[in-house]
Amino acid sequence: MTNPHQSTSQSSLAATSPNNCVVVRTLPKGTRRAIRRPQLKEIVPLADTTLWEMEQRGDFPRRFYLSPRCAAWDLDKVLSWLDKTIEETTGKPPVVAPMPDATTKRKRQSGN
């Protein structure tokens, strides 16, 4: 069975069906699609801050602007990132951040 997110020779377009499922349609080769935040969140359900931090680190495709207030992402890059992430993490235990050490916490200085 092939991966519906995989786009080797053709681009894909994500849309929401009436039952709120993401539908990926195949488009002619060479067609590029930009998706806005609502479509991105249907494909990659991460918080806005997490996406922004990942973009800054280079761990997620960077947004671009269609106008001064209209951010968008390249759908092919997002789907490629998703495929790569699935391949890298399948069958591996999750990486969990260590718990903070409360004994080393600095105390606030009083402003007398």
PDB file of N, CA and C in Angstrom:
ATOM      1  N   MET A   1       0.844  -1.175   0.000  1.00  0.00           N
ATOM      2  CA  MET A   1       0.000   0.000   0.000  1.00  0.00           C
ATOM      3  C   MET A   1       0.887   1.235   0.000  1.00  0.00           C
ATOM      4  N   THR A   2       0.563   2.226  -0.796  1.00  0.00           N
ATOM      5  CA  THR A   2       1.386   3.428  -0.880  1.00  0.00           C
ATOM      6  C   THR A   2       0.939   4.450   0.148  1.00  0.00           C
ATOM      7  N   ASN A   3       1.858   5.318   0.514  1.00  0.00           N
ATOM      8  CA  ASN A   3       1.577   6.368   1.486  1.00  0.00           C
ATOM      9  C   ASN A   3       0.800   7.487   0.803  1.00  0.00           C
ATOM     10  N   PRO A   4      -0.391   7.872   1.271  1.00  0.00           N
ATOM     11  CA  PRO A   4      -1.166   8.925   0.612  1.00  0.00           C
ATOM     12  C   PRO A   4      -0.500  10.287   0.708  1.00  0.00           C
ATOM     13  N   HIS A   5       0.440  10.468   1.637  1.00  0.00           N
ATOM     14  CA  HIS A   5       1.110  11.752   1.773  1.00  0.00           C
ATOM     15  C   HIS A   5       2.319  11.865   0.857  1.00  0.00           C
ATOM     16  N   GLN A   6       2.766  10.743   0.292  1.00  0.00           N
ATOM     17  CA  GLN A   6       3.984  10.739  -0.487  1.00  0.00           C
ATOM     18  C   GLN A   6       3.733  11.399  -1.836  1.00  0.00           C
ATOM     19  N   SER A   7       4.646  12.283  -2.238  1.00  0.00           N
ATOM     20  CA  SER A   7       4.494  12.983  -3.504  1.00  0.00           C
ATOM     21  C   SER A   7       5.823  12.958  -4.235  1.00  0.00           C
ATOM     22  N   THR A   8       6.027  11.953  -5.064  1.00  0.00           N
ATOM     23  CA  THR A   8       7.289  11.830  -5.773  1.00  0.00           C
ATOM     24  C   THR A   8       7.244  12.578  -7.096  1.00  0.00           C
ATOM     25  N   SER A   9       6.308  12.257  -7.964  1.00  0.00           N
ATOM     26  CA  SER A   9       6.265  12.905  -9.260  1.00  0.00           C
ATOM     27  C   SER A   9       5.124  13.901  -9.376  1.00  0.00           C
ATOM     28  N   GLN A  10       4.214  13.903  -8.423  1.00  0.00           N
ATOM     29  CA  GLN A  10       3.089  14.809  -8.493  1.00  0.00           C
ATOM     30  C   GLN A  10       2.915  15.514  -7.164  1.00  0.00           C
ATOM     31  N   SER A  11       2.374  16.724  -7.212  1.00  0.00           N
ATOM     32  CA  SER A  11       2.096  17.472  -5.995  1.00  0.00           C
ATOM     33  C   SER A  11       0.764  17.012  -5.419  1.00  0.00           C
ATOM     34  N   SER A  12       0.543  17.358  -4.158  1.00  0.00           N
ATOM     35  CA  SER A  12      -0.699  16.991  -3.501  1.00  0.00           C
ATOM     36  C   SER A  12      -1.356  18.228  -2.931  1.00  0.00           C
ATOM     37  N   LEU A  13      -2.650  18.151  -2.733  1.00  0.00           N
ATOM     38  CA  LEU A  13      -3.402  19.240  -2.141  1.00  0.00           C
ATOM     39  C   LEU A  13      -4.226  18.676  -1.004  1.00  0.00           C
ATOM     40  N   ALA A  14      -4.075  19.256   0.182  1.00  0.00           N
ATOM     41  CA  ALA A  14      -4.844  18.800   1.336  1.00  0.00           C
ATOM     42  C   ALA A  14      -6.097  19.646   1.444  1.00  0.00           C
ATOM     43  N   ALA A  15      -7.202  19.023   1.697  1.00  0.00           N
ATOM     44  CA  ALA A  15      -8.461  19.725   1.893  1.00  0.00           C
ATOM     45  C   ALA A  15      -9.243  18.981   2.966  1.00  0.00           C
ATOM     46  N   THR A  16     -10.219  19.641   3.528  1.00  0.00           N
ATOM     47  CA  THR A  16     -11.031  19.014   4.556  1.00  0.00           C
ATOM     48  C   THR A  16     -12.330  18.526   3.949  1.00  0.00           C
ATOM     49  N   SER A  17     -12.656  17.275   4.205  1.00  0.00           N
ATOM     50  CA  SER A  17     -13.908  16.712   3.730  1.00  0.00           C
ATOM     51  C   SER A  17     -15.028  17.122   4.691  1.00  0.00           C
ATOM     52  N   PRO A  18     -16.285  16.882   4.318  1.00  0.00           N
ATOM     53  CA  PRO A  18     -17.392  17.246   5.209  1.00  0.00           C
ATOM     54  C   PRO A  18     -17.323  16.622   6.595  1.00  0.00           C
ATOM     55  N   ASN A  19     -16.668  15.473   6.746  1.00  0.00           N
ATOM     56  CA  ASN A  19     -16.569  14.832   8.062  1.00  0.00           C
ATOM     57  C   ASN A  19     -15.271  15.204   8.779  1.00  0.00           C
ATOM     58  N   ASN A  20     -14.642  16.329   8.375  1.00  0.00           N
ATOM     59  CA  ASN A  20     -13.447  16.899   9.014  1.00  0.00           C
ATOM     60  C   ASN A  20     -12.211  16.026   8.913  1.00  0.00           C
ATOM     61  N   CYS A  21     -12.135  15.166   7.901  1.00  0.00           N
ATOM     62  CA  CYS A  21     -10.936  14.380   7.659  1.00  0.00           C
ATOM     63  C   CYS A  21     -10.102  15.080   6.591  1.00  0.00           C
ATOM     64  N   VAL A  22      -8.800  14.967   6.703  1.00  0.00           N
ATOM     65  CA  VAL A  22      -7.930  15.565   5.704  1.00  0.00           C
ATOM     66  C   VAL A  22      -7.910  14.669   4.473  1.00  0.00           C
ATOM     67  N   VAL A  23      -8.176  15.265   3.322  1.00  0.00           N
ATOM     68  CA  VAL A  23      -8.168  14.545   2.062  1.00  0.00           C
ATOM     69  C   VAL A  23      -7.010  15.094   1.240  1.00  0.00           C
ATOM     70  N   VAL A  24      -6.160  14.218   0.730  1.00  0.00           N
ATOM     71  CA  VAL A  24      -5.032  14.645  -0.088  1.00  0.00           C
ATOM     72  C   VAL A  24      -5.323  14.232  -1.521  1.00  0.00           C
ATOM     73  N   ARG A  25      -5.409  15.240  -2.406  1.00  0.00           N
ATOM     74  CA  ARG A  25      -5.667  14.980  -3.817  1.00  0.00           C
ATOM     75  C   ARG A  25      -4.375  15.143  -4.605  1.00  0.00           C
ATOM     76  N   THR A  26      -4.222  14.358  -5.648  1.00  0.00           N
ATOM     77  CA  THR A  26      -3.048  14.446  -6.494  1.00  0.00           C
ATOM     78  C   THR A  26      -3.276  15.523  -7.552  1.00  0.00           C
ATOM     79  N   LEU A  27      -2.223  16.340  -7.783  1.00  0.00           N
ATOM     80  CA  LEU A  27      -2.284  17.416  -8.752  1.00  0.00           C
ATOM     81  C   LEU A  27      -1.276  17.164  -9.859  1.00  0.00           C
ATOM     82  N   PRO A  28      -1.423  17.842 -10.989  1.00  0.00           N
ATOM     83  CA  PRO A  28      -0.457  17.661 -12.081  1.00  0.00           C
ATOM     84  C   PRO A  28       0.963  17.989 -11.640  1.00  0.00           C
ATOM     85  N   LYS A  29       1.938  17.308 -12.250  1.00  0.00           N
ATOM     86  CA  LYS A  29       3.344  17.513 -11.925  1.00  0.00           C
ATOM     87  C   LYS A  29       3.724  18.973 -12.166  1.00  0.00           C
ATOM     88  N   GLY A  30       4.522  19.505 -11.237  1.00  0.00           N
ATOM     89  CA  GLY A  30       4.965  20.891 -11.358  1.00  0.00           C
ATOM     90  C   GLY A  30       4.052  21.901 -10.686  1.00  0.00           C
ATOM     91  N   THR A  31       2.885  21.452 -10.216  1.00  0.00           N
ATOM     92  CA  THR A  31       1.960  22.347  -9.526  1.00  0.00           C
ATOM     93  C   THR A  31       2.374  22.459  -8.066  1.00  0.00           C
ATOM     94  N   ARG A  32       2.561  23.677  -7.590  1.00  0.00           N
ATOM     95  CA  ARG A  32       2.925  23.883  -6.189  1.00  0.00           C
ATOM     96  C   ARG A  32       1.734  24.480  -5.461  1.00  0.00           C
ATOM     97  N   ARG A  33       1.544  24.053  -4.224  1.00  0.00           N
ATOM     98  CA  ARG A  33       0.428  24.533  -3.423  1.00  0.00           C
ATOM     99  C   ARG A  33       0.915  25.110  -2.106  1.00  0.00           C
ATOM    100  N   ALA A  34       0.315  26.210  -1.736  1.00  0.00           N
ATOM    101  CA  ALA A  34       0.572  26.823  -0.433  1.00  0.00           C
ATOM    102  C   ALA A  34      -0.628  26.537   0.449  1.00  0.00           C
ATOM    103  N   ILE A  35      -0.353  26.233   1.716  1.00  0.00           N
ATOM    104  CA  ILE A  35      -1.441  26.008   2.669  1.00  0.00           C
ATOM    105  C   ILE A  35      -1.317  27.031   3.788  1.00  0.00           C
ATOM    106  N   ARG A  36      -2.456  27.405   4.333  1.00  0.00           N
ATOM    107  CA  ARG A  36      -2.492  28.354   5.437  1.00  0.00           C
ATOM    108  C   ARG A  36      -2.517  27.579   6.747  1.00  0.00           C
ATOM    109  N   ARG A  37      -2.493  28.301   7.855  1.00  0.00           N
ATOM    110  CA  ARG A  37      -2.410  27.693   9.179  1.00  0.00           C
ATOM    111  C   ARG A  37      -3.522  26.672   9.461  1.00  0.00           C
ATOM    112  N   PRO A  38      -4.796  26.946   9.145  1.00  0.00           N
ATOM    113  CA  PRO A  38      -5.825  25.928   9.443  1.00  0.00           C
ATOM    114  C   PRO A  38      -5.571  24.590   8.738  1.00  0.00           C
ATOM    115  N   GLN A  39      -5.150  24.626   7.461  1.00  0.00           N
ATOM    116  CA  GLN A  39      -4.857  23.385   6.752  1.00  0.00           C
ATOM    117  C   GLN A  39      -3.611  22.717   7.333  1.00  0.00           C
ATOM    118  N   LEU A  40      -2.602  23.524   7.699  1.00  0.00           N
ATOM    119  CA  LEU A  40      -1.382  22.976   8.294  1.00  0.00           C
ATOM    120  C   LEU A  40      -1.696  22.251   9.597  1.00  0.00           C
ATOM    121  N   LYS A  41      -2.559  22.850  10.436  1.00  0.00           N
ATOM    122  CA  LYS A  41      -2.880  22.243  11.730  1.00  0.00           C
ATOM    123  C   LYS A  41      -3.671  20.950  11.574  1.00  0.00           C
ATOM    124  N   GLU A  42      -4.375  20.769  10.441  1.00  0.00           N
ATOM    125  CA  GLU A  42      -5.066  19.507  10.190  1.00  0.00           C
ATOM    126  C   GLU A  42      -4.070  18.413   9.832  1.00  0.00           C
ATOM    127  N   ILE A  43      -2.968  18.791   9.209  1.00  0.00           N
ATOM    128  CA  ILE A  43      -1.955  17.817   8.804  1.00  0.00           C
ATOM    129  C   ILE A  43      -0.963  17.568   9.935  1.00  0.00           C
ATOM    130  N   VAL A  44      -0.528  18.652  10.606  1.00  0.00           N
ATOM    131  CA  VAL A  44       0.465  18.576  11.681  1.00  0.00           C
ATOM    132  C   VAL A  44      -0.145  19.229  12.924  1.00  0.00           C
ATOM    133  N   PRO A  45      -0.735  18.440  13.812  1.00  0.00           N
ATOM    134  CA  PRO A  45      -1.431  19.008  14.975  1.00  0.00           C
ATOM    135  C   PRO A  45      -0.493  19.426  16.108  1.00  0.00           C
ATOM    136  N   LEU A  46       0.319  20.446  15.837  1.00  0.00           N
ATOM    137  CA  LEU A  46       1.218  20.992  16.847  1.00  0.00           C
ATOM    138  C   LEU A  46       0.799  22.415  17.177  1.00  0.00           C
ATOM    139  N   ALA A  47       1.140  22.867  18.364  1.00  0.00           N
ATOM    140  CA  ALA A  47       0.816  24.233  18.786  1.00  0.00           C
ATOM    141  C   ALA A  47       1.591  25.238  17.939  1.00  0.00           C
ATOM    142  N   ASP A  48       1.045  26.437  17.815  1.00  0.00           N
ATOM    143  CA  ASP A  48       1.685  27.494  17.036  1.00  0.00           C
ATOM    144  C   ASP A  48       3.101  27.773  17.525  1.00  0.00           C
ATOM    145  N   THR A  49       3.283  27.836  18.832  1.00  0.00           N
ATOM    146  CA  THR A  49       4.600  28.120  19.394  1.00  0.00           C
ATOM    147  C   THR A  49       5.587  27.003  19.063  1.00  0.00           C
ATOM    148  N   THR A  50       5.142  25.762  19.140  1.00  0.00           N
ATOM    149  CA  THR A  50       6.006  24.636  18.811  1.00  0.00           C
ATOM    150  C   THR A  50       6.433  24.692  17.348  1.00  0.00           C
ATOM    151  N   LEU A  51       5.486  24.978  16.453  1.00  0.00           N
ATOM    152  CA  LEU A  51       5.822  25.101  15.031  1.00  0.00           C
ATOM    153  C   LEU A  51       6.837  26.215  14.816  1.00  0.00           C
ATOM    154  N   TRP A  52       6.622  27.353  15.449  1.00  0.00           N
ATOM    155  CA  TRP A  52       7.523  28.492  15.288  1.00  0.00           C
ATOM    156  C   TRP A  52       8.934  28.134  15.777  1.00  0.00           C
ATOM    157  N   GLU A  53       9.020  27.503  16.962  1.00  0.00           N
ATOM    158  CA  GLU A  53      10.327  27.111  17.503  1.00  0.00           C
ATOM    159  C   GLU A  53      11.025  26.108  16.585  1.00  0.00           C
ATOM    160  N   MET A  54      10.266  25.157  16.044  1.00  0.00           N
ATOM    161  CA  MET A  54      10.855  24.174  15.135  1.00  0.00           C
ATOM    162  C   MET A  54      11.341  24.838  13.854  1.00  0.00           C
ATOM    163  N   GLU A  55      10.594  25.806  13.350  1.00  0.00           N
ATOM    164  CA  GLU A  55      11.029  26.554  12.165  1.00  0.00           C
ATOM    165  C   GLU A  55      12.338  27.289  12.448  1.00  0.00           C
ATOM    166  N   GLN A  56      12.441  27.920  13.614  1.00  0.00           N
ATOM    167  CA  GLN A  56      13.635  28.674  13.960  1.00  0.00           C
ATOM    168  C   GLN A  56      14.865  27.778  14.070  1.00  0.00           C
ATOM    169  N   ARG A  57      14.672  26.536  14.540  1.00  0.00           N
ATOM    170  CA  ARG A  57      15.777  25.580  14.656  1.00  0.00           C
ATOM    171  C   ARG A  57      16.100  24.903  13.332  1.00  0.00           C
ATOM    172  N   GLY A  58      15.223  25.063  12.349  1.00  0.00           N
ATOM    173  CA  GLY A  58      15.429  24.392  11.064  1.00  0.00           C
ATOM    174  C   GLY A  58      14.879  22.978  11.049  1.00  0.00           C
ATOM    175  N   ASP A  59      14.019  22.644  12.027  1.00  0.00           N
ATOM    176  CA  ASP A  59      13.450  21.300  12.132  1.00  0.00           C
ATOM    177  C   ASP A  59      12.106  21.158  11.423  1.00  0.00           C
ATOM    178  N   PHE A  60      11.585  22.238  10.851  1.00  0.00           N
ATOM    179  CA  PHE A  60      10.290  22.229  10.179  1.00  0.00           C
ATOM    180  C   PHE A  60      10.364  23.220   9.022  1.00  0.00           C
ATOM    181  N   PRO A  61       9.661  22.959   7.916  1.00  0.00           N
ATOM    182  CA  PRO A  61       9.694  23.887   6.787  1.00  0.00           C
ATOM    183  C   PRO A  61       9.272  25.301   7.198  1.00  0.00           C
ATOM    184  N   ARG A  62      10.019  26.288   6.725  1.00  0.00           N
ATOM    185  CA  ARG A  62       9.739  27.679   7.089  1.00  0.00           C
ATOM    186  C   ARG A  62       8.534  28.217   6.333  1.00  0.00           C
ATOM    187  N   ARG A  63       7.796  29.064   7.006  1.00  0.00           N
ATOM    188  CA  ARG A  63       6.655  29.735   6.383  1.00  0.00           C
ATOM    189  C   ARG A  63       7.164  30.826   5.442  1.00  0.00           C
ATOM    190  N   PHE A  64       6.309  31.231   4.541  1.00  0.00           N
ATOM    191  CA  PHE A  64       6.578  32.385   3.696  1.00  0.00           C
ATOM    192  C   PHE A  64       5.301  33.214   3.683  1.00  0.00           C
ATOM    193  N   TYR A  65       5.377  34.411   3.160  1.00  0.00           N
ATOM    194  CA  TYR A  65       4.233  35.316   3.239  1.00  0.00           C
ATOM    195  C   TYR A  65       3.683  35.630   1.855  1.00  0.00           C
ATOM    196  N   LEU A  66       2.381  35.394   1.691  1.00  0.00           N
ATOM    197  CA  LEU A  66       1.689  35.735   0.461  1.00  0.00           C
ATOM    198  C   LEU A  66       1.341  37.214   0.440  1.00  0.00           C
ATOM    199  N   SER A  67       1.192  37.793   1.613  1.00  0.00           N
ATOM    200  CA  SER A  67       0.973  39.228   1.803  1.00  0.00           C
ATOM    201  C   SER A  67       1.527  39.555   3.188  1.00  0.00           C
ATOM    202  N   PRO A  68       1.566  40.831   3.583  1.00  0.00           N
ATOM    203  CA  PRO A  68       2.167  41.149   4.887  1.00  0.00           C
ATOM    204  C   PRO A  68       1.559  40.409   6.080  1.00  0.00           C
ATOM    205  N   ARG A  69       0.303  40.000   6.002  1.00  0.00           N
ATOM    206  CA  ARG A  69      -0.337  39.324   7.134  1.00  0.00           C
ATOM    207  C   ARG A  69      -0.831  37.918   6.809  1.00  0.00           C
ATOM    208  N   CYS A  70      -0.361  37.349   5.707  1.00  0.00           N
ATOM    209  CA  CYS A  70      -0.855  36.042   5.270  1.00  0.00           C
ATOM    210  C   CYS A  70       0.302  35.045   5.150  1.00  0.00           C
ATOM    211  N   ALA A  71       0.541  34.297   6.235  1.00  0.00           N
ATOM    212  CA  ALA A  71       1.604  33.293   6.246  1.00  0.00           C
ATOM    213  C   ALA A  71       1.098  32.005   5.597  1.00  0.00           C
ATOM    214  N   ALA A  72       2.004  31.311   4.907  1.00  0.00           N
ATOM    215  CA  ALA A  72       1.656  30.046   4.258  1.00  0.00           C
ATOM    216  C   ALA A  72       2.876  29.127   4.279  1.00  0.00           C
ATOM    217  N   TRP A  73       2.623  27.841   4.045  1.00  0.00           N
ATOM    218  CA  TRP A  73       3.676  26.832   3.986  1.00  0.00           C
ATOM    219  C   TRP A  73       3.551  26.093   2.670  1.00  0.00           C
ATOM    220  N   ASP A  74       4.665  25.613   2.149  1.00  0.00           N
ATOM    221  CA  ASP A  74       4.683  24.811   0.931  1.00  0.00           C
ATOM    222  C   ASP A  74       4.208  23.406   1.296  1.00  0.00           C
ATOM    223  N   LEU A  75       3.108  22.964   0.697  1.00  0.00           N
ATOM    224  CA  LEU A  75       2.513  21.676   1.047  1.00  0.00           C
ATOM    225  C   LEU A  75       3.475  20.516   0.803  1.00  0.00           C
ATOM    226  N   ASP A  76       4.203  20.532  -0.320  1.00  0.00           N
ATOM    227  CA  ASP A  76       5.128  19.441  -0.601  1.00  0.00           C
ATOM    228  C   ASP A  76       6.210  19.336   0.472  1.00  0.00           C
ATOM    229  N   LYS A  77       6.731  20.468   0.934  1.00  0.00           N
ATOM    230  CA  LYS A  77       7.766  20.450   1.974  1.00  0.00           C
ATOM    231  C   LYS A  77       7.210  19.924   3.291  1.00  0.00           C
ATOM    232  N   VAL A  78       5.979  20.312   3.624  1.00  0.00           N
ATOM    233  CA  VAL A  78       5.349  19.839   4.865  1.00  0.00           C
ATOM    234  C   VAL A  78       5.124  18.330   4.800  1.00  0.00           C
ATOM    235  N   LEU A  79       4.614  17.840   3.668  1.00  0.00           N
ATOM    236  CA  LEU A  79       4.361  16.403   3.536  1.00  0.00           C
ATOM    237  C   LEU A  79       5.667  15.610   3.525  1.00  0.00           C
ATOM    238  N   SER A  80       6.718  16.161   2.923  1.00  0.00           N
ATOM    239  CA  SER A  80       8.029  15.497   2.951  1.00  0.00           C
ATOM    240  C   SER A  80       8.560  15.427   4.371  1.00  0.00           C
ATOM    241  N   TRP A  81       8.404  16.529   5.124  1.00  0.00           N
ATOM    242  CA  TRP A  81       8.834  16.550   6.529  1.00  0.00           C
ATOM    243  C   TRP A  81       8.069  15.487   7.321  1.00  0.00           C
ATOM    244  N   LEU A  82       6.763  15.391   7.080  1.00  0.00           N
ATOM    245  CA  LEU A  82       5.936  14.415   7.799  1.00  0.00           C
ATOM    246  C   LEU A  82       6.384  12.987   7.476  1.00  0.00           C
ATOM    247  N   ASP A  83       6.616  12.692   6.203  1.00  0.00           N
ATOM    248  CA  ASP A  83       7.091  11.357   5.815  1.00  0.00           C
ATOM    249  C   ASP A  83       8.420  11.042   6.492  1.00  0.00           C
ATOM    250  N   LYS A  84       9.347  11.997   6.470  1.00  0.00           N
ATOM    251  CA  LYS A  84      10.672  11.806   7.076  1.00  0.00           C
ATOM    252  C   LYS A  84      10.547  11.574   8.581  1.00  0.00           C
ATOM    253  N   THR A  85       9.683  12.336   9.240  1.00  0.00           N
ATOM    254  CA  THR A  85       9.486  12.212  10.683  1.00  0.00           C
ATOM    255  C   THR A  85       8.887  10.849  11.034  1.00  0.00           C
ATOM    256  N   ILE A  86       7.928  10.414  10.238  1.00  0.00           N
ATOM    257  CA  ILE A  86       7.311   9.104  10.479  1.00  0.00           C
ATOM    258  C   ILE A  86       8.357   8.001  10.333  1.00  0.00           C
ATOM    259  N   GLU A  87       9.173   8.069   9.277  1.00  0.00           N
ATOM    260  CA  GLU A  87      10.209   7.049   9.055  1.00  0.00           C
ATOM    261  C   GLU A  87      11.230   7.034  10.187  1.00  0.00           C
ATOM    262  N   GLU A  88      11.642   8.227  10.647  1.00  0.00           N
ATOM    263  CA  GLU A  88      12.666   8.311  11.690  1.00  0.00           C
ATOM    264  C   GLU A  88      12.175   7.847  13.052  1.00  0.00           C
ATOM    265  N   THR A  89      10.896   7.987  13.333  1.00  0.00           N
ATOM    266  CA  THR A  89      10.403   7.690  14.674  1.00  0.00           C
ATOM    267  C   THR A  89       9.648   6.369  14.788  1.00  0.00           C
ATOM    268  N   THR A  90       9.368   5.715  13.692  1.00  0.00           N
ATOM    269  CA  THR A  90       8.623   4.459  13.737  1.00  0.00           C
ATOM    270  C   THR A  90       9.453   3.389  14.442  1.00  0.00           C
ATOM    271  N   GLY A  91       8.873   2.814  15.480  1.00  0.00           N
ATOM    272  CA  GLY A  91       9.522   1.740  16.205  1.00  0.00           C
ATOM    273  C   GLY A  91      10.551   2.181  17.223  1.00  0.00           C
ATOM    274  N   LYS A  92      10.732   3.476  17.406  1.00  0.00           N
ATOM    275  CA  LYS A  92      11.706   3.970  18.383  1.00  0.00           C
ATOM    276  C   LYS A  92      10.973   4.563  19.575  1.00  0.00           C
ATOM    277  N   PRO A  93      11.556   4.452  20.758  1.00  0.00           N
ATOM    278  CA  PRO A  93      10.910   5.073  21.921  1.00  0.00           C
ATOM    279  C   PRO A  93      10.986   6.594  21.801  1.00  0.00           C
ATOM    280  N   PRO A  94       9.999   7.300  22.329  1.00  0.00           N
ATOM    281  CA  PRO A  94      10.012   8.761  22.238  1.00  0.00           C
ATOM    282  C   PRO A  94      11.144   9.365  23.059  1.00  0.00           C
ATOM    283  N   VAL A  95      11.655  10.487  22.579  1.00  0.00           N
ATOM    284  CA  VAL A  95      12.681  11.219  23.311  1.00  0.00           C
ATOM    285  C   VAL A  95      11.959  12.159  24.266  1.00  0.00           C
ATOM    286  N   VAL A  96      12.220  11.995  25.537  1.00  0.00           N
ATOM    287  CA  VAL A  96      11.540  12.791  26.555  1.00  0.00           C
ATOM    288  C   VAL A  96      12.556  13.703  27.223  1.00  0.00           C
ATOM    289  N   ALA A  97      12.186  14.970  27.388  1.00  0.00           N
ATOM    290  CA  ALA A  97      13.072  15.927  28.055  1.00  0.00           C
ATOM    291  C   ALA A  97      13.207  15.548  29.528  1.00  0.00           C
ATOM    292  N   PRO A  98      14.387  15.762  30.115  1.00  0.00           N
ATOM    293  CA  PRO A  98      14.565  15.432  31.527  1.00  0.00           C
ATOM    294  C   PRO A  98      13.733  16.356  32.416  1.00  0.00           C
ATOM    295  N   MET A  99      13.363  15.851  33.565  1.00  0.00           N
ATOM    296  CA  MET A  99      12.608  16.660  34.529  1.00  0.00           C
ATOM    297  C   MET A  99      13.533  17.731  35.107  1.00  0.00           C
ATOM    298  N   PRO A 100      13.007  18.926  35.359  1.00  0.00           N
ATOM    299  CA  PRO A 100      13.844  19.967  35.946  1.00  0.00           C
ATOM    300  C   PRO A 100      14.236  19.620  37.378  1.00  0.00           C
ATOM    301  N   ASP A 101      15.410  20.055  37.774  1.00  0.00           N
ATOM    302  CA  ASP A 101      15.904  19.808  39.124  1.00  0.00           C
ATOM    303  C   ASP A 101      15.517  21.000  39.996  1.00  0.00           C
ATOM    304  N   ALA A 102      14.521  20.813  40.831  1.00  0.00           N
ATOM    305  CA  ALA A 102      14.006  21.902  41.657  1.00  0.00           C
ATOM    306  C   ALA A 102      15.006  22.356  42.714  1.00  0.00           C
ATOM    307  N   THR A 103      15.991  21.518  43.039  1.00  0.00           N
ATOM    308  CA  THR A 103      16.967  21.906  44.065  1.00  0.00           C
ATOM    309  C   THR A 103      17.936  22.962  43.563  1.00  0.00           C
ATOM    310  N   THR A 104      18.070  23.085  42.247  1.00  0.00           N
ATOM    311  CA  THR A 104      18.988  24.088  41.698  1.00  0.00           C
ATOM    312  C   THR A 104      18.270  25.355  41.258  1.00  0.00           C
ATOM    313  N   LYS A 105      16.996  25.450  41.545  1.00  0.00           N
ATOM    314  CA  LYS A 105      16.214  26.607  41.141  1.00  0.00           C
ATOM    315  C   LYS A 105      16.683  27.853  41.895  1.00  0.00           C
ATOM    316  N   ARG A 106      16.874  28.925  41.134  1.00  0.00           N
ATOM    317  CA  ARG A 106      17.294  30.172  41.760  1.00  0.00           C
ATOM    318  C   ARG A 106      16.085  30.856  42.393  1.00  0.00           C
ATOM    319  N   LYS A 107      16.331  31.542  43.478  1.00  0.00           N
ATOM    320  CA  LYS A 107      15.257  32.257  44.156  1.00  0.00           C
ATOM    321  C   LYS A 107      15.266  33.705  43.719  1.00  0.00           C
ATOM    322  N   ARG A 108      14.085  34.315  43.743  1.00  0.00           N
ATOM    323  CA  ARG A 108      13.989  35.726  43.402  1.00  0.00           C
ATOM    324  C   ARG A 108      14.678  36.576  44.457  1.00  0.00           C
ATOM    325  N   GLN A 109      15.293  37.614  43.994  1.00  0.00           N
ATOM    326  CA  GLN A 109      15.919  38.553  44.937  1.00  0.00           C
ATOM    327  C   GLN A 109      14.869  39.554  45.370  1.00  0.00           C
ATOM    328  N   SER A 110      14.864  39.832  46.649  1.00  0.00           N
ATOM    329  CA  SER A 110      13.883  40.810  47.146  1.00  0.00           C
ATOM    330  C   SER A 110      14.353  42.203  46.753  1.00  0.00           C
ATOM    331  N   GLY A 111      13.421  43.049  46.378  1.00  0.00           N
ATOM    332  CA  GLY A 111      13.745  44.408  45.938  1.00  0.00           C
ATOM    333  C   GLY A 111      13.601  45.419  47.051  1.00  0.00           C
ATOM    334  N   ASN A 112      14.373  45.280  48.119  1.00  0.00           N
ATOM    335  CA  ASN A 112      14.284  46.202  49.251  1.00  0.00           C
ATOM    336  C   ASN A 112      14.901  47.513  48.926  1.00  0.00           C
TER     337      ASN A 112
END
